Amino acid sequence: MSSIKEGLMTNWHLMRIVRLALGVWMAGWGVQAHDWGMGLFGAFFLYQAIANTGCCGTAACAPPRRRTFTKKEDVKEIEYEEVK
């Protein structure tokens, strides 16, 4: 349960705040105007803000995180051969 709370409370950046504000505004407008389409778009943006996801869902288009090696045995030496 603490990981859910930790995920909601950390890593807030500008785009996440924009998604939250846009989602609240669109969902509120959709409810007030009885417009299902606007309400669904608002719910979509709210989900993105709460779950910290983008259009790619699982951040599949994000660059991979840099891997840190803890042991020297984990690092593989690359051998180069000069071609003339």
C-alpha atoms as a PDB file:
ATOM      1  CA  MET A   1       0.000   0.000   0.000  1.00  0.00           C
ATOM      2  CA  SER A   2       2.892   2.357   0.667  1.00  0.00           C
ATOM      3  CA  SER A   3       4.138   2.006  -2.927  1.00  0.00           C
ATOM      4  CA  ILE A   4       0.804   3.293  -4.250  1.00  0.00           C
ATOM      5  CA  LYS A   5       0.949   6.285  -1.923  1.00  0.00           C
ATOM      6  CA  GLU A   6       4.596   6.837  -2.835  1.00  0.00           C
ATOM      7  CA  GLY A   7       3.757   6.733  -6.549  1.00  0.00           C
ATOM      8  CA  LEU A   8       1.002   9.312  -6.121  1.00  0.00           C
ATOM      9  CA  MET A   9       3.036  11.703  -4.016  1.00  0.00           C
ATOM     10  CA  THR A  10       6.367  11.677  -5.873  1.00  0.00           C
ATOM     11  CA  ASN A  11       7.687  12.495  -9.338  1.00  0.00           C
ATOM     12  CA  TRP A  12       5.357  15.411 -10.093  1.00  0.00           C
ATOM     13  CA  HIS A  13       6.532  17.401 -13.108  1.00  0.00           C
ATOM     14  CA  LEU A  14       5.013  20.039 -15.352  1.00  0.00           C
ATOM     15  CA  MET A  15       3.268  17.654 -17.786  1.00  0.00           C
ATOM     16  CA  ARG A  16       1.728  15.651 -14.963  1.00  0.00           C
ATOM     17  CA  ILE A  17       0.326  18.844 -13.416  1.00  0.00           C
ATOM     18  CA  VAL A  18      -0.969  19.980 -16.823  1.00  0.00           C
ATOM     19  CA  ARG A  19      -2.707  16.617 -17.327  1.00  0.00           C
ATOM     20  CA  LEU A  20      -4.277  16.868 -13.881  1.00  0.00           C
ATOM     21  CA  ALA A  21      -5.551  20.414 -14.453  1.00  0.00           C
ATOM     22  CA  LEU A  22      -6.819  19.575 -17.953  1.00  0.00           C
ATOM     23  CA  GLY A  23      -8.516  16.409 -16.681  1.00  0.00           C
ATOM     24  CA  VAL A  24     -10.276  18.202 -13.829  1.00  0.00           C
ATOM     25  CA  TRP A  25     -11.380  21.016 -16.144  1.00  0.00           C
ATOM     26  CA  MET A  26     -12.609  18.700 -18.925  1.00  0.00           C
ATOM     27  CA  ALA A  27     -14.363  16.281 -16.552  1.00  0.00           C
ATOM     28  CA  GLY A  28     -16.064  19.153 -14.747  1.00  0.00           C
ATOM     29  CA  TRP A  29     -17.153  20.712 -18.017  1.00  0.00           C
ATOM     30  CA  GLY A  30     -18.430  17.363 -19.259  1.00  0.00           C
ATOM     31  CA  VAL A  31     -20.509  16.798 -16.129  1.00  0.00           C
ATOM     32  CA  GLN A  32     -21.889  20.349 -16.179  1.00  0.00           C
ATOM     33  CA  ALA A  33     -22.786  20.224 -19.887  1.00  0.00           C
ATOM     34  CA  HIS A  34     -23.990  16.578 -19.780  1.00  0.00           C
ATOM     35  CA  ASP A  35     -21.432  15.795 -22.487  1.00  0.00           C
ATOM     36  CA  TRP A  36     -20.173  12.192 -22.325  1.00  0.00           C
ATOM     37  CA  GLY A  37     -17.347  12.749 -24.786  1.00  0.00           C
ATOM     38  CA  MET A  38     -15.814  15.608 -22.819  1.00  0.00           C
ATOM     39  CA  GLY A  39     -16.253  13.663 -19.584  1.00  0.00           C
ATOM     40  CA  LEU A  40     -14.435  10.649 -21.039  1.00  0.00           C
ATOM     41  CA  PHE A  41     -11.565  12.805 -22.286  1.00  0.00           C
ATOM     42  CA  GLY A  42     -11.372  14.371 -18.839  1.00  0.00           C
ATOM     43  CA  ALA A  43     -11.331  10.951 -17.189  1.00  0.00           C
ATOM     44  CA  PHE A  44      -8.564   9.863 -19.582  1.00  0.00           C
ATOM     45  CA  PHE A  45      -6.395  12.851 -18.646  1.00  0.00           C
ATOM     46  CA  LEU A  46      -7.126  12.306 -14.947  1.00  0.00           C
ATOM     47  CA  TYR A  47      -6.032   8.682 -15.258  1.00  0.00           C
ATOM     48  CA  GLN A  48      -2.817   9.754 -16.969  1.00  0.00           C
ATOM     49  CA  ALA A  49      -2.053  12.253 -14.202  1.00  0.00           C
ATOM     50  CA  ILE A  50      -2.832   9.880 -11.338  1.00  0.00           C
ATOM     51  CA  ALA A  51      -1.037   6.869 -12.820  1.00  0.00           C
ATOM     52  CA  ASN A  52       1.856   9.007 -14.156  1.00  0.00           C
ATOM     53  CA  THR A  53       1.552   7.558 -17.644  1.00  0.00           C
ATOM     54  CA  GLY A  54       1.633   9.189 -21.032  1.00  0.00           C
ATOM     55  CA  CYS A  55       0.174   8.213 -24.353  1.00  0.00           C
ATOM     56  CA  CYS A  56       2.618   5.318 -24.512  1.00  0.00           C
ATOM     57  CA  GLY A  57       1.127   3.744 -21.390  1.00  0.00           C
ATOM     58  CA  THR A  58       4.092   1.873 -19.951  1.00  0.00           C
ATOM     59  CA  ALA A  59       6.655   4.419 -21.181  1.00  0.00           C
ATOM     60  CA  ALA A  60       7.656   2.074 -23.985  1.00  0.00           C
ATOM     61  CA  CYS A  61       8.945   5.000 -26.029  1.00  0.00           C
ATOM     62  CA  ALA A  62      11.135   6.305 -23.208  1.00  0.00           C
ATOM     63  CA  PRO A  63      14.885   5.722 -23.408  1.00  0.00           C
ATOM     64  CA  PRO A  64      16.138   2.891 -21.229  1.00  0.00           C
ATOM     65  CA  ARG A  65      17.452   3.802 -17.803  1.00  0.00           C
ATOM     66  CA  ARG A  66      21.184   3.772 -17.335  1.00  0.00           C
ATOM     67  CA  ARG A  67      22.274   0.517 -15.793  1.00  0.00           C
ATOM     68  CA  THR A  68      24.742   0.781 -12.971  1.00  0.00           C
ATOM     69  CA  PHE A  69      27.135  -2.075 -12.398  1.00  0.00           C
ATOM     70  CA  THR A  70      27.857  -3.047  -8.833  1.00  0.00           C
ATOM     71  CA  LYS A  71      30.500  -5.685  -9.426  1.00  0.00           C
ATOM     72  CA  LYS A  72      33.451  -5.618 -11.759  1.00  0.00           C
ATOM     73  CA  GLU A  73      32.466  -9.103 -12.965  1.00  0.00           C
ATOM     74  CA  ASP A  74      29.233  -7.680 -14.405  1.00  0.00           C
ATOM     75  CA  VAL A  75      31.154  -5.458 -16.834  1.00  0.00           C
ATOM     76  CA  LYS A  76      32.104  -7.302 -20.001  1.00  0.00           C
ATOM     77  CA  GLU A  77      35.239  -6.218 -21.786  1.00  0.00           C
ATOM     78  CA  ILE A  78      34.783  -5.643 -25.492  1.00  0.00           C
ATOM     79  CA  GLU A  79      37.596  -6.718 -27.748  1.00  0.00           C
ATOM     80  CA  TYR A  80      38.212  -4.663 -30.851  1.00  0.00           C
ATOM     81  CA  GLU A  81      39.966  -5.843 -33.951  1.00  0.00           C
ATOM     82  CA  GLU A  82      41.513  -3.354 -36.323  1.00  0.00           C
ATOM     83  CA  VAL A  83      40.481  -3.851 -39.933  1.00  0.00           C
ATOM     84  CA  LYS A  84      42.883  -2.567 -42.585  1.00  0.00           C
END
